[in-house]
Amino acid sequence: MSTAEPHDVVYIAEFTDGPLDGDVESRVLVGGSHEERLAMVAAVDGLESTFWYDAIDERDVNGEKHVRYRFDAGDSDSPVSDEDEGDGWQG
């Protein structure tokens, strides 16, 4: 039985827009594949919200899997409170 190498069980998620624009994180492959849709919880101006991201592409960088994710504003919580002006993500 062989052991999995780190590049066989993890990948790098890159967030391309929305409230997590520019963030990257290491995530575990599920059944050898990356997740197509991620629910991310983050605080924006002290307000905790759930943000949905969808995979848009993947690539190999020096033997490591990288997946880019795009923000889905329609399914995500609005990080703007009721007393703030506007509605929805203002990124």
C-alpha atoms as a PDB file:
ATOM      1  CA  MET A   1       0.000   0.000   0.000  1.00  0.00           C
ATOM      2  CA  SER A   2       1.445   3.371  -0.992  1.00  0.00           C
ATOM      3  CA  THR A   3       1.052   6.565   0.973  1.00  0.00           C
ATOM      4  CA  ALA A   4      -0.348   9.684  -0.630  1.00  0.00           C
ATOM      5  CA  GLU A   5       2.006  12.558  -1.272  1.00  0.00           C
ATOM      6  CA  PRO A   6       0.884  16.041  -0.133  1.00  0.00           C
ATOM      7  CA  HIS A   7       0.227  17.093  -3.751  1.00  0.00           C
ATOM      8  CA  ASP A   8      -2.124  14.101  -4.087  1.00  0.00           C
ATOM      9  CA  VAL A   9      -4.439  15.144  -1.245  1.00  0.00           C
ATOM     10  CA  VAL A  10      -4.451  18.948  -1.193  1.00  0.00           C
ATOM     11  CA  TYR A  11      -4.946  21.784  -3.646  1.00  0.00           C
ATOM     12  CA  ILE A  12      -4.704  25.561  -3.561  1.00  0.00           C
ATOM     13  CA  ALA A  13      -7.982  27.504  -3.814  1.00  0.00           C
ATOM     14  CA  GLU A  14      -7.598  31.003  -5.280  1.00  0.00           C
ATOM     15  CA  PHE A  15     -10.436  33.504  -4.862  1.00  0.00           C
ATOM     16  CA  THR A  16     -10.601  35.858  -7.842  1.00  0.00           C
ATOM     17  CA  ASP A  17     -13.219  38.405  -6.772  1.00  0.00           C
ATOM     18  CA  GLY A  18     -15.855  39.282  -4.177  1.00  0.00           C
ATOM     19  CA  PRO A  19     -15.110  39.731  -0.477  1.00  0.00           C
ATOM     20  CA  LEU A  20     -12.262  37.170  -0.547  1.00  0.00           C
ATOM     21  CA  ASP A  21     -10.600  38.615  -3.667  1.00  0.00           C
ATOM     22  CA  GLY A  22      -6.906  37.730  -3.678  1.00  0.00           C
ATOM     23  CA  ASP A  23      -7.117  35.217  -0.819  1.00  0.00           C
ATOM     24  CA  VAL A  24      -5.657  31.730  -1.230  1.00  0.00           C
ATOM     25  CA  GLU A  25      -5.935  28.691   0.987  1.00  0.00           C
ATOM     26  CA  SER A  26      -4.915  25.062   1.015  1.00  0.00           C
ATOM     27  CA  ARG A  27      -7.860  22.654   0.839  1.00  0.00           C
ATOM     28  CA  VAL A  28      -8.212  18.877   0.928  1.00  0.00           C
ATOM     29  CA  LEU A  29      -9.192  16.990  -2.226  1.00  0.00           C
ATOM     30  CA  VAL A  30     -12.423  15.016  -1.743  1.00  0.00           C
ATOM     31  CA  GLY A  31     -12.311  11.673  -3.533  1.00  0.00           C
ATOM     32  CA  GLY A  32      -9.315  12.957  -5.489  1.00  0.00           C
ATOM     33  CA  SER A  33     -11.192  16.013  -6.806  1.00  0.00           C
ATOM     34  CA  HIS A  34     -11.542  19.642  -5.837  1.00  0.00           C
ATOM     35  CA  GLU A  35     -14.880  21.026  -4.733  1.00  0.00           C
ATOM     36  CA  GLU A  36     -16.893  22.668  -7.515  1.00  0.00           C
ATOM     37  CA  ARG A  37     -18.691  25.003  -5.084  1.00  0.00           C
ATOM     38  CA  LEU A  38     -17.457  26.409  -1.785  1.00  0.00           C
ATOM     39  CA  ALA A  39     -19.334  28.079   1.053  1.00  0.00           C
ATOM     40  CA  MET A  40     -16.951  30.423   2.827  1.00  0.00           C
ATOM     41  CA  VAL A  41     -17.779  32.174   6.105  1.00  0.00           C
ATOM     42  CA  ALA A  42     -16.015  35.477   6.683  1.00  0.00           C
ATOM     43  CA  ALA A  43     -16.500  38.665   8.657  1.00  0.00           C
ATOM     44  CA  VAL A  44     -16.689  41.895   6.674  1.00  0.00           C
ATOM     45  CA  ASP A  45     -16.763  45.039   8.804  1.00  0.00           C
ATOM     46  CA  GLY A  46     -17.622  42.843  11.807  1.00  0.00           C
ATOM     47  CA  LEU A  47     -20.613  41.186  10.107  1.00  0.00           C
ATOM     48  CA  GLU A  48     -20.273  37.414   9.632  1.00  0.00           C
ATOM     49  CA  SER A  49     -21.640  36.250   6.281  1.00  0.00           C
ATOM     50  CA  THR A  50     -21.641  33.171   4.046  1.00  0.00           C
ATOM     51  CA  PHE A  51     -20.129  33.694   0.609  1.00  0.00           C
ATOM     52  CA  TRP A  52     -20.514  31.169  -2.211  1.00  0.00           C
ATOM     53  CA  TYR A  53     -17.763  30.590  -4.752  1.00  0.00           C
ATOM     54  CA  ASP A  54     -17.827  28.429  -7.911  1.00  0.00           C
ATOM     55  CA  ALA A  55     -14.790  26.788  -9.532  1.00  0.00           C
ATOM     56  CA  ILE A  56     -13.940  28.355 -12.894  1.00  0.00           C
ATOM     57  CA  ASP A  57     -10.734  26.556 -13.863  1.00  0.00           C
ATOM     58  CA  GLU A  58      -7.802  24.527 -12.617  1.00  0.00           C
ATOM     59  CA  ARG A  59      -4.133  24.287 -13.493  1.00  0.00           C
ATOM     60  CA  ASP A  60      -0.926  22.627 -12.378  1.00  0.00           C
ATOM     61  CA  VAL A  61       1.721  24.908 -10.859  1.00  0.00           C
ATOM     62  CA  ASN A  62       5.015  23.128 -10.177  1.00  0.00           C
ATOM     63  CA  GLY A  63       3.208  19.839  -9.552  1.00  0.00           C
ATOM     64  CA  GLU A  64       0.560  21.398  -7.299  1.00  0.00           C
ATOM     65  CA  LYS A  65      -3.107  21.700  -8.252  1.00  0.00           C
ATOM     66  CA  HIS A  66      -4.504  25.271  -8.217  1.00  0.00           C
ATOM     67  CA  VAL A  67      -8.222  25.980  -8.646  1.00  0.00           C
ATOM     68  CA  ARG A  68      -9.649  29.468  -9.219  1.00  0.00           C
ATOM     69  CA  TYR A  69     -13.040  30.335  -7.723  1.00  0.00           C
ATOM     70  CA  ARG A  70     -15.472  33.100  -8.742  1.00  0.00           C
ATOM     71  CA  PHE A  71     -17.834  34.843  -6.297  1.00  0.00           C
ATOM     72  CA  ASP A  72     -21.570  34.083  -6.642  1.00  0.00           C
ATOM     73  CA  ALA A  73     -23.183  37.281  -5.336  1.00  0.00           C
ATOM     74  CA  GLY A  74     -26.729  36.040  -6.010  1.00  0.00           C
ATOM     75  CA  ASP A  75     -26.470  33.118  -3.585  1.00  0.00           C
ATOM     76  CA  SER A  76     -24.249  34.830  -1.014  1.00  0.00           C
ATOM     77  CA  ASP A  77     -25.202  36.799   2.070  1.00  0.00           C
ATOM     78  CA  SER A  78     -24.915  40.530   1.762  1.00  0.00           C
ATOM     79  CA  PRO A  79     -22.061  41.860   3.898  1.00  0.00           C
ATOM     80  CA  VAL A  80     -23.881  45.219   4.110  1.00  0.00           C
ATOM     81  CA  SER A  81     -25.982  45.685   7.245  1.00  0.00           C
ATOM     82  CA  ASP A  82     -29.460  47.242   7.190  1.00  0.00           C
ATOM     83  CA  GLU A  83     -28.181  50.604   8.384  1.00  0.00           C
ATOM     84  CA  ASP A  84     -25.495  50.712   5.672  1.00  0.00           C
ATOM     85  CA  GLU A  85     -26.351  52.297   2.367  1.00  0.00           C
ATOM     86  CA  GLY A  86     -26.739  50.149  -0.723  1.00  0.00           C
ATOM     87  CA  ASP A  87     -27.618  46.518  -0.998  1.00  0.00           C
ATOM     88  CA  GLY A  88     -25.365  43.589  -1.700  1.00  0.00           C
ATOM     89  CA  TRP A  89     -21.675  43.231  -2.240  1.00  0.00           C
ATOM     90  CA  GLN A  90     -19.978  46.454  -3.242  1.00  0.00           C
ATOM     91  CA  GLY A  91     -16.627  44.944  -4.349  1.00  0.00           C
END
